[in-house]
PDB file of N, CA and C in Angstrom:
ATOM      1  N   MET A   1    -136.428  39.305  -5.761  1.00  0.00           N
ATOM      2  CA  MET A   1    -136.627  37.952  -5.324  1.00  0.00           C
ATOM      3  C   MET A   1    -135.383  37.422  -4.641  1.00  0.00           C
ATOM      4  N   GLY A   2    -134.245  37.410  -5.320  1.00  0.00           N
ATOM      5  CA  GLY A   2    -133.004  37.041  -4.688  1.00  0.00           C
ATOM      6  C   GLY A   2    -132.832  35.573  -4.373  1.00  0.00           C
ATOM      7  N   ILE A   3    -133.525  34.699  -5.068  1.00  0.00           N
ATOM      8  CA  ILE A   3    -133.382  33.273  -4.800  1.00  0.00           C
ATOM      9  C   ILE A   3    -132.704  32.630  -6.002  1.00  0.00           C
ATOM     10  N   ASN A   4    -131.544  32.050  -5.761  1.00  0.00           N
ATOM     11  CA  ASN A   4    -130.838  31.309  -6.801  1.00  0.00           C
ATOM     12  C   ASN A   4    -130.794  29.853  -6.394  1.00  0.00           C
ATOM     13  N   VAL A   5    -131.554  29.045  -7.107  1.00  0.00           N
ATOM     14  CA  VAL A   5    -131.575  27.611  -6.824  1.00  0.00           C
ATOM     15  C   VAL A   5    -130.727  26.941  -7.884  1.00  0.00           C
ATOM     16  N   GLU A   6    -129.681  26.276  -7.434  1.00  0.00           N
ATOM     17  CA  GLU A   6    -128.753  25.645  -8.362  1.00  0.00           C
ATOM     18  C   GLU A   6    -128.647  24.159  -8.043  1.00  0.00           C
ATOM     19  N   VAL A   7    -128.704  23.340  -9.081  1.00  0.00           N
ATOM     20  CA  VAL A   7    -128.568  21.898  -8.921  1.00  0.00           C
ATOM     21  C   VAL A   7    -127.424  21.446  -9.823  1.00  0.00           C
ATOM     22  N   ILE A   8    -126.381  20.933  -9.202  1.00  0.00           N
ATOM     23  CA  ILE A   8    -125.221  20.455  -9.947  1.00  0.00           C
ATOM     24  C   ILE A   8    -125.393  18.962 -10.193  1.00  0.00           C
ATOM     25  N   PRO A   9    -125.259  18.526 -11.450  1.00  0.00           N
ATOM     26  CA  PRO A   9    -125.448  17.091 -11.728  1.00  0.00           C
ATOM     27  C   PRO A   9    -124.375  16.250 -11.063  1.00  0.00           C
ATOM     28  N   LYS A  10    -124.834  15.169 -10.443  1.00  0.00           N
ATOM     29  CA  LYS A  10    -123.908  14.228  -9.820  1.00  0.00           C
ATOM     30  C   LYS A  10    -123.415  13.245 -10.876  1.00  0.00           C
ATOM     31  N   LYS A  11    -122.380  12.513 -10.528  1.00  0.00           N
ATOM     32  CA  LYS A  11    -121.795  11.571 -11.470  1.00  0.00           C
ATOM     33  C   LYS A  11    -122.813  10.492 -11.829  1.00  0.00           C
ATOM     34  N   ASN A  12    -123.031  10.275 -13.126  1.00  0.00           N
ATOM     35  CA  ASN A  12    -123.954   9.263 -13.663  1.00  0.00           C
ATOM     36  C   ASN A  12    -125.389   9.464 -13.176  1.00  0.00           C
ATOM     37  N   GLU A  13    -125.803  10.719 -12.977  1.00  0.00           N
ATOM     38  CA  GLU A  13    -127.155  10.984 -12.507  1.00  0.00           C
ATOM     39  C   GLU A  13    -128.101  11.192 -13.683  1.00  0.00           C
ATOM     40  N   ASP A  14    -129.271  10.611 -13.590  1.00  0.00           N
ATOM     41  CA  ASP A  14    -130.291  10.739 -14.612  1.00  0.00           C
ATOM     42  C   ASP A  14    -130.874  12.152 -14.592  1.00  0.00           C
ATOM     43  N   LEU A  15    -131.286  12.634 -15.754  1.00  0.00           N
ATOM     44  CA  LEU A  15    -131.835  13.983 -15.858  1.00  0.00           C
ATOM     45  C   LEU A  15    -133.121  14.135 -15.058  1.00  0.00           C
ATOM     46  N   THR A  16    -133.970  13.116 -15.073  1.00  0.00           N
ATOM     47  CA  THR A  16    -135.226  13.213 -14.321  1.00  0.00           C
ATOM     48  C   THR A  16    -134.961  13.311 -12.822  1.00  0.00           C
ATOM     49  N   ARG A  17    -133.949  12.609 -12.345  1.00  0.00           N
ATOM     50  CA  ARG A  17    -133.593  12.670 -10.918  1.00  0.00           C
ATOM     51  C   ARG A  17    -133.091  14.069 -10.546  1.00  0.00           C
ATOM     52  N   MET A  18    -132.338  14.669 -11.451  1.00  0.00           N
ATOM     53  CA  MET A  18    -131.827  16.013 -11.215  1.00  0.00           C
ATOM     54  C   MET A  18    -132.977  17.025 -11.178  1.00  0.00           C
ATOM     55  N   ILE A  19    -133.958  16.856 -12.044  1.00  0.00           N
ATOM     56  CA  ILE A  19    -135.128  17.744 -12.055  1.00  0.00           C
ATOM     57  C   ILE A  19    -135.908  17.595 -10.760  1.00  0.00           C
ATOM     58  N   LYS A  20    -136.045  16.363 -10.263  1.00  0.00           N
ATOM     59  CA  LYS A  20    -136.733  16.135  -8.992  1.00  0.00           C
ATOM     60  C   LYS A  20    -136.011  16.834  -7.847  1.00  0.00           C
ATOM     61  N   ARG A  21    -134.681  16.779  -7.842  1.00  0.00           N
ATOM     62  CA  ARG A  21    -133.922  17.472  -6.804  1.00  0.00           C
ATOM     63  C   ARG A  21    -134.126  18.979  -6.886  1.00  0.00           C
ATOM     64  N   PHE A  22    -134.196  19.508  -8.123  1.00  0.00           N
ATOM     65  CA  PHE A  22    -134.431  20.935  -8.322  1.00  0.00           C
ATOM     66  C   PHE A  22    -135.790  21.348  -7.765  1.00  0.00           C
ATOM     67  N   ILE A  23    -136.825  20.572  -8.077  1.00  0.00           N
ATOM     68  CA  ILE A  23    -138.175  20.864  -7.592  1.00  0.00           C
ATOM     69  C   ILE A  23    -138.210  20.813  -6.066  1.00  0.00           C
ATOM     70  N   LYS A  24    -137.541  19.838  -5.485  1.00  0.00           N
ATOM     71  CA  LYS A  24    -137.497  19.705  -4.029  1.00  0.00           C
ATOM     72  C   LYS A  24    -136.825  20.918  -3.388  1.00  0.00           C
ATOM     73  N   LYS A  25    -135.737  21.390  -3.985  1.00  0.00           N
ATOM     74  CA  LYS A  25    -135.056  22.572  -3.463  1.00  0.00           C
ATOM     75  C   LYS A  25    -135.944  23.806  -3.560  1.00  0.00           C
ATOM     76  N   CYS A  26    -136.677  23.931  -4.667  1.00  0.00           N
ATOM     77  CA  CYS A  26    -137.582  25.081  -4.837  1.00  0.00           C
ATOM     78  C   CYS A  26    -138.666  25.068  -3.763  1.00  0.00           C
ATOM     79  N   LYS A  27    -139.220  23.897  -3.474  1.00  0.00           N
ATOM     80  CA  LYS A  27    -140.245  23.800  -2.443  1.00  0.00           C
ATOM     81  C   LYS A  27    -139.679  24.146  -1.078  1.00  0.00           C
ATOM     82  N   LYS A  28    -138.463  23.690  -0.808  1.00  0.00           N
ATOM     83  CA  LYS A  28    -137.842  23.957   0.482  1.00  0.00           C
ATOM     84  C   LYS A  28    -137.580  25.450   0.670  1.00  0.00           C
ATOM     85  N   GLU A  29    -137.237  26.142  -0.384  1.00  0.00           N
ATOM     86  CA  GLU A  29    -136.950  27.570  -0.314  1.00  0.00           C
ATOM     87  C   GLU A  29    -138.216  28.424  -0.389  1.00  0.00           C
ATOM     88  N   ASN A  30    -139.387  27.792  -0.497  1.00  0.00           N
ATOM     89  CA  ASN A  30    -140.670  28.497  -0.637  1.00  0.00           C
ATOM     90  C   ASN A  30    -140.668  29.446  -1.829  1.00  0.00           C
ATOM     91  N   PHE A  31    -140.004  29.034  -2.882  1.00  0.00           N
ATOM     92  CA  PHE A  31    -139.892  29.848  -4.081  1.00  0.00           C
ATOM     93  C   PHE A  31    -141.255  30.080  -4.723  1.00  0.00           C
ATOM     94  N   LEU A  32    -142.051  29.025  -4.866  1.00  0.00           N
ATOM     95  CA  LEU A  32    -143.345  29.166  -5.525  1.00  0.00           C
ATOM     96  C   LEU A  32    -144.305  30.018  -4.710  1.00  0.00           C
ATOM     97  N   ARG A  33    -144.257  29.879  -3.385  1.00  0.00           N
ATOM     98  CA  ARG A  33    -145.120  30.689  -2.529  1.00  0.00           C
ATOM     99  C   ARG A  33    -144.803  32.173  -2.709  1.00  0.00           C
ATOM    100  N   GLU A  34    -143.518  32.485  -2.809  1.00  0.00           N
ATOM    101  CA  GLU A  34    -143.116  33.875  -2.962  1.00  0.00           C
ATOM    102  C   GLU A  34    -143.578  34.428  -4.304  1.00  0.00           C
ATOM    103  N   VAL A  35    -143.491  33.623  -5.355  1.00  0.00           N
ATOM    104  CA  VAL A  35    -143.939  34.062  -6.680  1.00  0.00           C
ATOM    105  C   VAL A  35    -145.440  34.345  -6.658  1.00  0.00           C
ATOM    106  N   VAL A  36    -146.210  33.440  -6.064  1.00  0.00           N
ATOM    107  CA  VAL A  36    -147.657  33.625  -5.990  1.00  0.00           C
ATOM    108  C   VAL A  36    -147.993  34.843  -5.132  1.00  0.00           C
ATOM    109  N   ASP A  37    -147.275  35.023  -4.023  1.00  0.00           N
ATOM    110  CA  ASP A  37    -147.529  36.163  -3.147  1.00  0.00           C
ATOM    111  C   ASP A  37    -147.249  37.488  -3.836  1.00  0.00           C
ATOM    112  N   ARG A  38    -146.282  37.520  -4.720  1.00  0.00           N
ATOM    113  CA  ARG A  38    -145.908  38.772  -5.380  1.00  0.00           C
ATOM    114  C   ARG A  38    -146.780  39.100  -6.596  1.00  0.00           C
ATOM    115  N   LYS A  39    -147.642  38.195  -6.994  1.00  0.00           N
ATOM    116  CA  LYS A  39    -148.506  38.469  -8.147  1.00  0.00           C
ATOM    117  C   LYS A  39    -149.457  39.619  -7.879  1.00  0.00           C
ATOM    118  N   THR A  40    -149.999  39.675  -6.675  1.00  0.00           N
ATOM    119  CA  THR A  40    -150.963  40.719  -6.345  1.00  0.00           C
ATOM    120  C   THR A  40    -150.490  41.487  -5.126  1.00  0.00           C
ATOM    121  N   TYR A  41    -150.973  42.712  -5.002  1.00  0.00           N
ATOM    122  CA  TYR A  41    -150.615  43.545  -3.859  1.00  0.00           C
ATOM    123  C   TYR A  41    -151.382  43.077  -2.632  1.00  0.00           C
ATOM    124  N   LYS A  42    -150.692  43.030  -1.519  1.00  0.00           N
ATOM    125  CA  LYS A  42    -151.330  42.712  -0.250  1.00  0.00           C
ATOM    126  C   LYS A  42    -151.057  43.854   0.707  1.00  0.00           C
ATOM    127  N   LYS A  43    -152.090  44.227   1.438  1.00  0.00           N
ATOM    128  CA  LYS A  43    -151.930  45.293   2.415  1.00  0.00           C
ATOM    129  C   LYS A  43    -150.959  44.835   3.498  1.00  0.00           C
ATOM    130  N   PRO A  44    -150.193  45.765   4.062  1.00  0.00           N
ATOM    131  CA  PRO A  44    -149.247  45.390   5.123  1.00  0.00           C
ATOM    132  C   PRO A  44    -149.921  44.695   6.302  1.00  0.00           C
ATOM    133  N   SER A  45    -151.143  45.095   6.639  1.00  0.00           N
ATOM    134  CA  SER A  45    -151.836  44.449   7.755  1.00  0.00           C
ATOM    135  C   SER A  45    -152.151  42.991   7.419  1.00  0.00           C
ATOM    136  N   ASP A  46    -152.500  42.719   6.159  1.00  0.00           N
ATOM    137  CA  ASP A  46    -152.771  41.339   5.743  1.00  0.00           C
ATOM    138  C   ASP A  46    -151.500  40.496   5.785  1.00  0.00           C
ATOM    139  N   VAL A  47    -150.381  41.098   5.381  1.00  0.00           N
ATOM    140  CA  VAL A  47    -149.109  40.380   5.401  1.00  0.00           C
ATOM    141  C   VAL A  47    -148.748  40.009   6.834  1.00  0.00           C
ATOM    142  N   ARG A  48    -148.898  40.956   7.771  1.00  0.00           N
ATOM    143  CA  ARG A  48    -148.600  40.675   9.174  1.00  0.00           C
ATOM    144  C   ARG A  48    -149.515  39.591   9.724  1.00  0.00           C
ATOM    145  N   ARG A  49    -150.793  39.660   9.369  1.00  0.00           N
ATOM    146  CA  ARG A  49    -151.761  38.675   9.847  1.00  0.00           C
ATOM    147  C   ARG A  49    -151.404  37.277   9.337  1.00  0.00           C
ATOM    148  N   LEU A  50    -151.045  37.172   8.061  1.00  0.00           N
ATOM    149  CA  LEU A  50    -150.671  35.872   7.489  1.00  0.00           C
ATOM    150  C   LEU A  50    -149.405  35.324   8.132  1.00  0.00           C
ATOM    151  N   LYS A  51    -148.427  36.204   8.401  1.00  0.00           N
ATOM    152  CA  LYS A  51    -147.210  35.755   9.069  1.00  0.00           C
ATOM    153  C   LYS A  51    -147.520  35.226  10.457  1.00  0.00           C
ATOM    154  N   LYS A  52    -148.430  35.904  11.158  1.00  0.00           N
ATOM    155  CA  LYS A  52    -148.815  35.482  12.509  1.00  0.00           C
ATOM    156  C   LYS A  52    -149.474  34.098  12.461  1.00  0.00           C
ATOM    157  N   ILE A  53    -150.349  33.902  11.483  1.00  0.00           N
ATOM    158  CA  ILE A  53    -151.032  32.617  11.333  1.00  0.00           C
ATOM    159  C   ILE A  53    -150.018  31.517  11.013  1.00  0.00           C
ATOM    160  N   ARG A  54    -149.051  31.795  10.118  1.00  0.00           N
ATOM    161  CA  ARG A  54    -148.028  30.798   9.765  1.00  0.00           C
ATOM    162  C   ARG A  54    -147.169  30.449  10.969  1.00  0.00           C
ATOM    163  N   ARG A  55    -146.792  31.463  11.766  1.00  0.00           N
ATOM    164  CA  ARG A  55    -145.996  31.201  12.969  1.00  0.00           C
ATOM    165  C   ARG A  55    -146.759  30.334  13.948  1.00  0.00           C
ATOM    166  N   LYS A  56    -148.060  30.612  14.092  1.00  0.00           N
ATOM    167  CA  LYS A  56    -148.889  29.839  15.015  1.00  0.00           C
ATOM    168  C   LYS A  56    -148.977  28.382  14.563  1.00  0.00           C
ATOM    169  N   ARG A  57    -149.195  28.166  13.281  1.00  0.00           N
ATOM    170  CA  ARG A  57    -149.269  26.804  12.739  1.00  0.00           C
ATOM    171  C   ARG A  57    -147.954  26.066  12.929  1.00  0.00           C
ATOM    172  N   MET A  58    -146.835  26.760  12.677  1.00  0.00           N
ATOM    173  CA  MET A  58    -145.530  26.125  12.824  1.00  0.00           C
ATOM    174  C   MET A  58    -145.280  25.747  14.278  1.00  0.00           C
ATOM    175  N   ALA A  59    -145.669  26.623  15.208  1.00  0.00           N
ATOM    176  CA  ALA A  59    -145.497  26.332  16.633  1.00  0.00           C
ATOM    177  C   ALA A  59    -146.337  25.121  17.034  1.00  0.00           C
ATOM    178  N   GLN A  60    -147.561  25.047  16.530  1.00  0.00           N
ATOM    179  CA  GLN A  60    -148.420  23.904  16.834  1.00  0.00           C
ATOM    180  C   GLN A  60    -147.824  22.616  16.276  1.00  0.00           C
ATOM    181  N   LYS A  61    -147.276  22.692  15.080  1.00  0.00           N
ATOM    182  CA  LYS A  61    -146.666  21.516  14.459  1.00  0.00           C
ATOM    183  C   LYS A  61    -145.458  21.050  15.272  1.00  0.00           C
ATOM    184  N   LEU A  62    -144.627  21.993  15.704  1.00  0.00           N
ATOM    185  CA  LEU A  62    -143.464  21.635  16.506  1.00  0.00           C
ATOM    186  C   LEU A  62    -143.875  21.036  17.845  1.00  0.00           C
ATOM    187  N   ASN A  63    -144.935  21.585  18.458  1.00  0.00           N
ATOM    188  CA  ASN A  63    -145.433  21.036  19.713  1.00  0.00           C
ATOM    189  C   ASN A  63    -145.915  19.605  19.543  1.00  0.00           C
ATOM    190  N   ARG A  64    -146.635  19.330  18.453  1.00  0.00           N
ATOM    191  CA  ARG A  64    -147.105  17.967  18.190  1.00  0.00           C
ATOM    192  C   ARG A  64    -145.932  17.014  18.019  1.00  0.00           C
ATOM    193  N   GLU A  65    -144.892  17.450  17.290  1.00  0.00           N
ATOM    194  CA  GLU A  65    -143.731  16.601  17.086  1.00  0.00           C
ATOM    195  C   GLU A  65    -143.002  16.337  18.401  1.00  0.00           C
ATOM    196  N   GLN A  66    -142.903  17.358  19.242  1.00  0.00           N
ATOM    197  CA  GLN A  66    -142.245  17.198  20.539  1.00  0.00           C
ATOM    198  C   GLN A  66    -143.017  16.206  21.414  1.00  0.00           C
ATOM    199  N   GLN A  67    -144.355  16.282  21.371  1.00  0.00           N
ATOM    200  CA  GLN A  67    -145.170  15.379  22.171  1.00  0.00           C
ATOM    201  C   GLN A  67    -145.033  13.945  21.667  1.00  0.00           C
ATOM    202  N   LYS A  68    -144.939  13.763  20.357  1.00  0.00           N
ATOM    203  CA  LYS A  68    -144.764  12.417  19.811  1.00  0.00           C
ATOM    204  C   LYS A  68    -143.427  11.830  20.241  1.00  0.00           C
ATOM    205  N   LYS A  69    -142.387  12.661  20.277  1.00  0.00           N
ATOM    206  CA  LYS A  69    -141.074  12.174  20.689  1.00  0.00           C
ATOM    207  C   LYS A  69    -141.052  11.813  22.159  1.00  0.00           C
ATOM    208  N   SER A  70    -141.765  12.578  22.972  1.00  0.00           N
ATOM    209  CA  SER A  70    -141.743  12.324  24.416  1.00  0.00           C
ATOM    210  C   SER A  70    -142.579  11.101  24.802  1.00  0.00           C
ATOM    211  N   ASN A  71    -143.556  10.749  23.970  1.00  0.00           N
ATOM    212  CA  ASN A  71    -144.406   9.572  24.277  1.00  0.00           C
ATOM    213  C   ASN A  71    -143.773   8.312  23.882  1.00  0.00           C
TER     214      ASN A  71
END
């Protein structure tokens, strides 16, 4: 896996706030997606297909954001 998510408590920070920061970092690193993906075996062709679909979605999202900025 190789993902080390570390949250250092800030001065006078509440424990619940620190947990929220930890969860946010995990989501940003796609930690949960990787755990779910590793539960079952996926054929290499399926992995490539899913990566292609994710790249396409990300490109579409970036295009929409660029169009919103230009308008």
